[in-house]
Protein backbone atom coordinates (compact mmCIF):
# COMPACT_ATOMS: atom_id res chain seq x y z
CA MET A 1 -9.89 8.53 -32.54
CA ALA A 2 -11.65 11.75 -31.51
CA PHE A 3 -14.64 9.68 -30.35
CA VAL A 4 -12.42 7.45 -28.20
CA ILE A 5 -10.61 10.43 -26.64
CA GLY A 6 -13.95 12.15 -26.03
CA SER A 7 -15.39 9.03 -24.39
CA ILE A 8 -12.37 8.68 -22.10
CA PHE A 9 -12.53 12.36 -21.19
CA ASN A 10 -16.26 12.11 -20.40
CA LYS A 11 -15.67 9.04 -18.20
CA ILE A 12 -12.97 10.92 -16.29
CA ILE A 13 -15.30 13.88 -15.78
CA ASP A 14 -18.10 11.56 -14.62
CA ALA A 15 -15.72 9.83 -12.19
CA LEU A 16 -14.59 13.15 -10.73
CA ASP A 17 -18.21 14.30 -10.41
CA ASN A 18 -19.02 11.11 -8.48
CA ARG A 19 -16.05 11.42 -6.13
CA ASP A 20 -16.80 11.51 -2.42
CA THR A 21 -16.15 15.03 -1.14
CA ARG A 22 -16.82 14.57 2.59
CA LEU A 23 -13.09 14.69 3.39
CA ASP A 24 -12.06 17.39 0.92
CA HIS A 25 -11.13 19.69 3.81
CA LEU A 26 -8.21 17.37 4.60
CA PRO A 27 -4.75 17.57 2.94
CA PHE A 28 -3.86 15.39 -0.09
CA THR A 29 -7.49 14.56 -0.96
CA SER A 30 -7.75 16.41 -4.27
CA PRO A 31 -7.13 14.51 -7.53
CA LEU A 32 -4.45 17.04 -8.46
CA SER A 33 -2.50 16.33 -5.27
CA ALA A 34 -2.53 12.59 -6.03
CA ILE A 35 -1.24 13.21 -9.57
CA VAL A 36 1.50 15.55 -8.30
CA VAL A 37 2.63 13.08 -5.62
CA ALA A 38 2.71 10.08 -8.00
CA THR A 39 4.55 11.91 -10.80
CA SER A 40 7.00 13.55 -8.36
CA TYR A 41 7.75 10.16 -6.84
CA MET A 42 8.46 8.58 -10.21
CA TYR A 43 10.54 11.54 -11.36
CA PHE A 44 12.67 11.52 -8.20
CA VAL A 45 13.17 7.75 -8.27
CA LYS A 46 14.01 7.47 -11.96
CA VAL A 47 15.53 10.86 -12.88
CA GLY A 48 15.92 13.56 -10.25
CA GLY A 49 17.25 11.42 -7.39
CA PRO A 50 19.90 9.47 -9.34
CA SER A 51 21.01 12.68 -11.05
CA PHE A 52 21.31 14.46 -7.70
CA MET A 53 23.31 11.58 -6.20
CA SER A 54 25.54 10.92 -9.23
CA ARG A 55 28.38 13.13 -7.94
CA ARG A 56 27.73 12.65 -4.24
CA LYS A 57 28.63 10.06 -1.66
CA PRO A 58 25.79 8.04 -0.09
CA PHE A 59 24.10 9.80 2.81
CA GLU A 60 24.49 8.30 6.27
CA LEU A 61 20.85 7.97 7.34
CA ASN A 62 20.92 5.43 10.16
CA ASN A 63 19.48 7.79 12.77
CA VAL A 64 16.84 9.07 10.37
CA ILE A 65 15.85 5.51 9.43
CA ILE A 66 15.63 4.47 13.09
CA ILE A 67 13.21 7.33 13.77
CA TYR A 68 11.30 6.59 10.55
CA ASN A 69 10.91 2.90 11.42
CA LEU A 70 9.71 3.78 14.93
CA ILE A 71 7.15 6.19 13.48
CA GLN A 72 5.94 3.53 11.03
CA ILE A 73 5.61 0.92 13.79
CA VAL A 74 3.66 3.28 16.07
CA LEU A 75 1.38 4.67 13.33
CA ASN A 76 0.59 1.29 11.77
CA ALA A 77 -0.14 -0.29 15.16
CA ALA A 78 -2.21 2.74 16.19
CA LEU A 79 -4.28 2.70 13.00
CA PHE A 80 -4.94 -1.03 13.39
CA LEU A 81 -6.12 -0.47 16.98
CA TYR A 82 -8.20 2.51 15.84
CA GLY A 83 -9.80 0.29 13.21
CA LEU A 84 -10.67 -2.30 15.85
CA TYR A 85 -12.09 0.41 18.12
CA ALA A 86 -14.22 1.92 15.34
CA TRP A 87 -15.37 -1.51 14.22
CA TRP A 88 -16.40 -2.55 17.72
CA ASN A 89 -18.09 0.74 18.64
CA TYR A 90 -19.63 1.91 15.40
CA ASN A 91 -20.26 -1.20 13.32
CA PRO A 92 -20.24 -4.42 15.40
CA ASN A 93 -22.39 -6.16 12.75
CA PHE A 94 -19.77 -5.69 10.02
CA ASN A 95 -20.42 -8.20 7.22
CA LEU A 96 -17.11 -9.69 6.04
CA ALA A 97 -18.81 -11.23 3.00
CA CYS A 98 -20.27 -7.96 1.74
CA GLU A 99 -20.19 -4.71 3.71
CA PRO A 100 -21.71 -1.80 1.74
CA ILE A 101 -20.26 1.71 1.92
CA ASP A 102 -22.13 4.18 4.12
CA TRP A 103 -22.18 7.49 2.24
CA GLY A 104 -23.93 9.37 5.04
CA THR A 105 -22.70 12.12 7.32
CA ASN A 106 -23.39 10.24 10.55
CA VAL A 107 -20.52 9.52 12.95
CA PRO A 108 -19.92 5.86 11.91
CA ALA A 109 -19.82 6.79 8.20
CA ILE A 110 -17.39 9.67 8.73
CA LYS A 111 -15.17 7.57 11.03
CA ALA A 112 -15.02 4.84 8.38
CA ALA A 113 -14.08 7.36 5.67
CA GLU A 114 -11.47 8.95 7.93
CA SER A 115 -9.85 5.58 8.66
CA VAL A 116 -9.39 5.05 4.90
CA TYR A 117 -7.88 8.54 4.65
CA TYR A 118 -5.45 7.87 7.51
CA TYR A 119 -4.38 4.68 5.74
CA TYR A 120 -3.77 6.70 2.56
CA CYS A 121 -1.52 9.04 4.58
CA LEU A 122 0.50 6.00 5.67
CA LYS A 123 0.95 5.02 2.02
CA LEU A 124 2.27 8.52 1.34
CA LEU A 125 4.75 8.03 4.17
CA ASP A 126 5.77 4.64 2.72
CA LEU A 127 7.27 6.45 -0.29
CA CYS A 128 10.16 7.45 1.98
CA ASP A 129 11.40 3.83 1.67
CA THR A 130 12.44 4.48 -1.91
CA ILE A 131 13.72 7.98 -1.19
CA PHE A 132 16.10 6.55 1.41
CA PHE A 133 17.34 3.94 -1.08
CA VAL A 134 18.11 6.71 -3.58
CA LEU A 135 19.91 8.89 -1.02
CA LYS A 136 21.94 5.89 0.19
CA LYS A 137 22.67 4.92 -3.43
CA LYS A 138 21.17 1.46 -2.88
CA THR A 139 19.91 1.31 -6.44
CA GLY A 140 19.90 -2.50 -6.42
CA GLN A 141 16.97 -2.43 -4.00
CA ILE A 142 14.88 -0.12 -6.20
CA SER A 143 13.47 -2.97 -8.27
CA PHE A 144 10.39 -2.98 -10.47
CA LEU A 145 8.57 -4.86 -7.69
CA HIS A 146 9.52 -2.23 -5.11
CA VAL A 147 8.47 0.80 -7.18
CA TYR A 148 5.36 -0.83 -8.65
CA HIS A 149 4.18 -2.02 -5.26
CA HIS A 150 4.51 1.42 -3.67
CA LEU A 151 2.93 3.23 -6.60
CA VAL A 152 -0.02 0.91 -7.24
CA VAL A 153 -0.91 0.70 -3.54
CA LEU A 154 -0.81 4.51 -3.35
CA ILE A 155 -3.11 4.85 -6.37
CA PHE A 156 -5.59 2.24 -5.17
CA THR A 157 -5.67 3.72 -1.68
CA TYR A 158 -6.37 7.17 -3.11
CA LYS A 159 -9.18 5.69 -5.19
CA ALA A 160 -10.58 4.19 -2.00
CA VAL A 161 -10.57 7.64 -0.34
CA GLY A 162 -12.45 9.19 -3.25
CA TRP A 163 -14.73 6.41 -4.44
CA SER A 164 -15.03 3.68 -1.78
CA PRO A 165 -14.21 5.20 1.63
CA GLY A 166 -15.32 2.50 4.02
CA GLY A 167 -17.36 -0.66 3.94
CA GLN A 168 -15.57 -3.76 2.71
CA PHE A 169 -12.39 -1.85 2.00
CA ILE A 170 -11.60 -0.99 5.64
CA ILE A 171 -10.25 -4.50 6.30
CA VAL A 172 -7.50 -3.95 3.71
CA GLY A 173 -5.93 -1.22 5.80
CA MET A 174 -6.26 -3.14 9.05
CA LEU A 175 -4.61 -6.26 7.61
CA ASN A 176 -1.87 -4.28 5.91
CA CYS A 177 -1.17 -2.33 9.10
CA ILE A 178 -0.45 -5.62 10.89
CA VAL A 179 1.90 -6.69 8.11
CA HIS A 180 3.70 -3.33 8.11
CA THR A 181 4.06 -3.30 11.87
CA ILE A 182 5.89 -6.63 11.60
CA MET A 183 7.89 -5.50 8.58
CA TYR A 184 9.11 -2.20 10.05
CA THR A 185 9.92 -3.89 13.35
CA TYR A 186 12.27 -6.16 11.40
CA TYR A 187 13.74 -3.14 9.59
CA LEU A 188 14.30 -1.37 12.91
CA PHE A 189 16.14 -4.28 14.50
CA SER A 190 18.20 -4.80 11.36
CA VAL A 191 19.60 -1.27 11.77
CA PHE A 192 20.93 -2.20 15.21
CA GLU A 193 21.90 -5.73 14.15
CA PRO A 194 23.07 -5.62 10.50
CA GLU A 195 23.51 -9.40 10.56
CA LEU A 196 19.71 -9.71 10.50
CA LYS A 197 19.79 -8.44 6.91
CA LYS A 198 21.65 -11.63 5.99
CA ASN A 199 19.30 -13.90 7.96
CA VAL A 200 17.52 -15.73 5.16
CA ALA A 201 14.97 -17.35 7.48
CA ILE A 202 13.69 -14.00 8.79
CA LYS A 203 13.68 -12.34 5.36
CA ARG A 204 11.83 -15.34 3.91
CA SER A 205 9.26 -15.13 6.73
CA VAL A 206 8.60 -11.44 6.07
CA THR A 207 8.08 -12.12 2.36
CA THR A 208 5.82 -15.08 3.18
CA ILE A 209 3.66 -12.90 5.43
CA GLN A 210 3.25 -10.40 2.60
CA MET A 211 2.25 -13.17 0.19
CA ILE A 212 -0.29 -14.58 2.67
CA GLN A 213 -1.73 -11.08 2.91
CA PHE A 214 -2.36 -11.00 -0.85
CA LEU A 215 -4.03 -14.42 -0.77
CA LEU A 216 -6.32 -13.37 2.09
CA LEU A 217 -7.30 -10.20 0.26
CA LEU A 218 -7.87 -12.16 -2.94
CA PHE A 219 -10.37 -14.39 -1.15
CA TYR A 220 -11.86 -11.49 0.82
CA PHE A 221 -12.61 -9.39 -2.28
CA GLY A 222 -13.37 -12.36 -4.52
CA ARG A 223 -16.52 -13.17 -2.51
CA PRO A 224 -18.34 -9.84 -3.06
CA LEU A 225 -17.06 -9.72 -6.66
CA LEU A 226 -18.77 -13.04 -7.42
CA ASN A 227 -21.88 -12.13 -5.42
CA PRO A 228 -24.38 -10.43 -7.78
CA ASP A 229 -26.43 -9.17 -4.84
CA CYS A 230 -23.51 -7.30 -3.24
CA PRO A 231 -23.89 -3.55 -4.00
CA LEU A 232 -20.15 -2.79 -3.89
CA PRO A 233 -18.68 -1.37 -7.15
CA LYS A 234 -17.84 -4.47 -9.20
CA PHE A 235 -15.23 -2.85 -11.42
CA PHE A 236 -13.23 -1.62 -8.44
CA LEU A 237 -13.52 -5.05 -6.82
CA PHE A 238 -12.22 -6.61 -10.05
CA GLU A 239 -9.28 -4.18 -10.10
CA VAL A 240 -8.39 -5.00 -6.50
CA VAL A 241 -8.61 -8.76 -7.13
CA ALA A 242 -6.52 -8.48 -10.31
CA GLN A 243 -3.87 -6.39 -8.56
CA ASN A 244 -3.63 -8.81 -5.64
CA ILE A 245 -3.11 -11.67 -8.10
CA PHE A 246 -0.41 -9.69 -9.90
CA LEU A 247 1.31 -8.61 -6.68
CA PHE A 248 1.22 -12.17 -5.37
CA CYS A 249 2.89 -13.36 -8.58
CA LEU A 250 5.57 -10.65 -8.32
CA PHE A 251 6.32 -11.51 -4.70
CA ALA A 252 6.25 -15.25 -5.48
CA ASN A 253 8.79 -14.67 -8.25
CA PHE A 254 10.93 -12.65 -5.81
CA TYR A 255 10.61 -15.44 -3.23
CA TYR A 256 11.61 -18.11 -5.76
CA ARG A 257 14.63 -16.19 -7.09
CA ASN A 258 15.96 -15.15 -3.67
CA TYR A 259 15.09 -18.07 -1.40
CA CYS A 260 14.93 -21.06 -3.73
CA VAL A 261 17.31 -20.51 -6.65
CA ASN A 262 19.93 -18.66 -4.58
CA GLN A 263 19.74 -21.26 -1.83
CA ARG A 264 20.40 -24.04 -4.35
CA VAL A 265 23.43 -22.16 -5.61
CA LEU A 266 24.75 -21.74 -2.07
CA ASN A 267 24.18 -25.41 -1.31
CA LYS A 268 26.12 -26.46 -4.42
CA ALA A 269 28.96 -24.13 -3.47
CA LYS A 270 29.40 -25.86 -0.10
């Protein structure tokens, strides 16, 4: 047992020693900050938040959520456009099949690392989704899928900042920014038009777009994973592929339960 614990500890130390430190001057880049954010999020969602709200009425947050959705739309669209700009100006020969990470201190390398960091900041902001659900006492929407998705994406994005800031992994953020721009636009309009929340066709389309995203990323990362000549870290590629498979299955199960099974029940009730 002591040998196993020692081996795990040594691997953690080695991983921290090999962490990219070019962006350590920026907020939320230290391993401790990531641990604090993740544990605080889980504590608030599962313990602190429900306890705080147990004797209180739900907060009226419509105006806050409108502003939040607008911020998300602008930031996600801006980061996507920034990614296109950086791609076009700094790395026009980007190899979609296998793009190695540039660990240098030249402008293109730093811009690539910064774009991954900015994407990580967006994932920190995404945690507000769950916080709003807690404050509005919408506990039914805080499902395993919701919490797991937010937490695992946050962890993987932080790992990208520290251990794979750029290269092949930049496309993840760009694709996800498109998806989130669409998603938060729907959320914004649904605040003004509550009937949209009951529109099954739109909700199904949003879920479908998210599922397509996972399939695209599965194919995109599967190619360098299966390519022995690609110098990208194979274990991290395997983790990303495995997580996209798992997330696709979770979203597919959500899709089936909400848009197939429930629709059959409604049809029988007519």
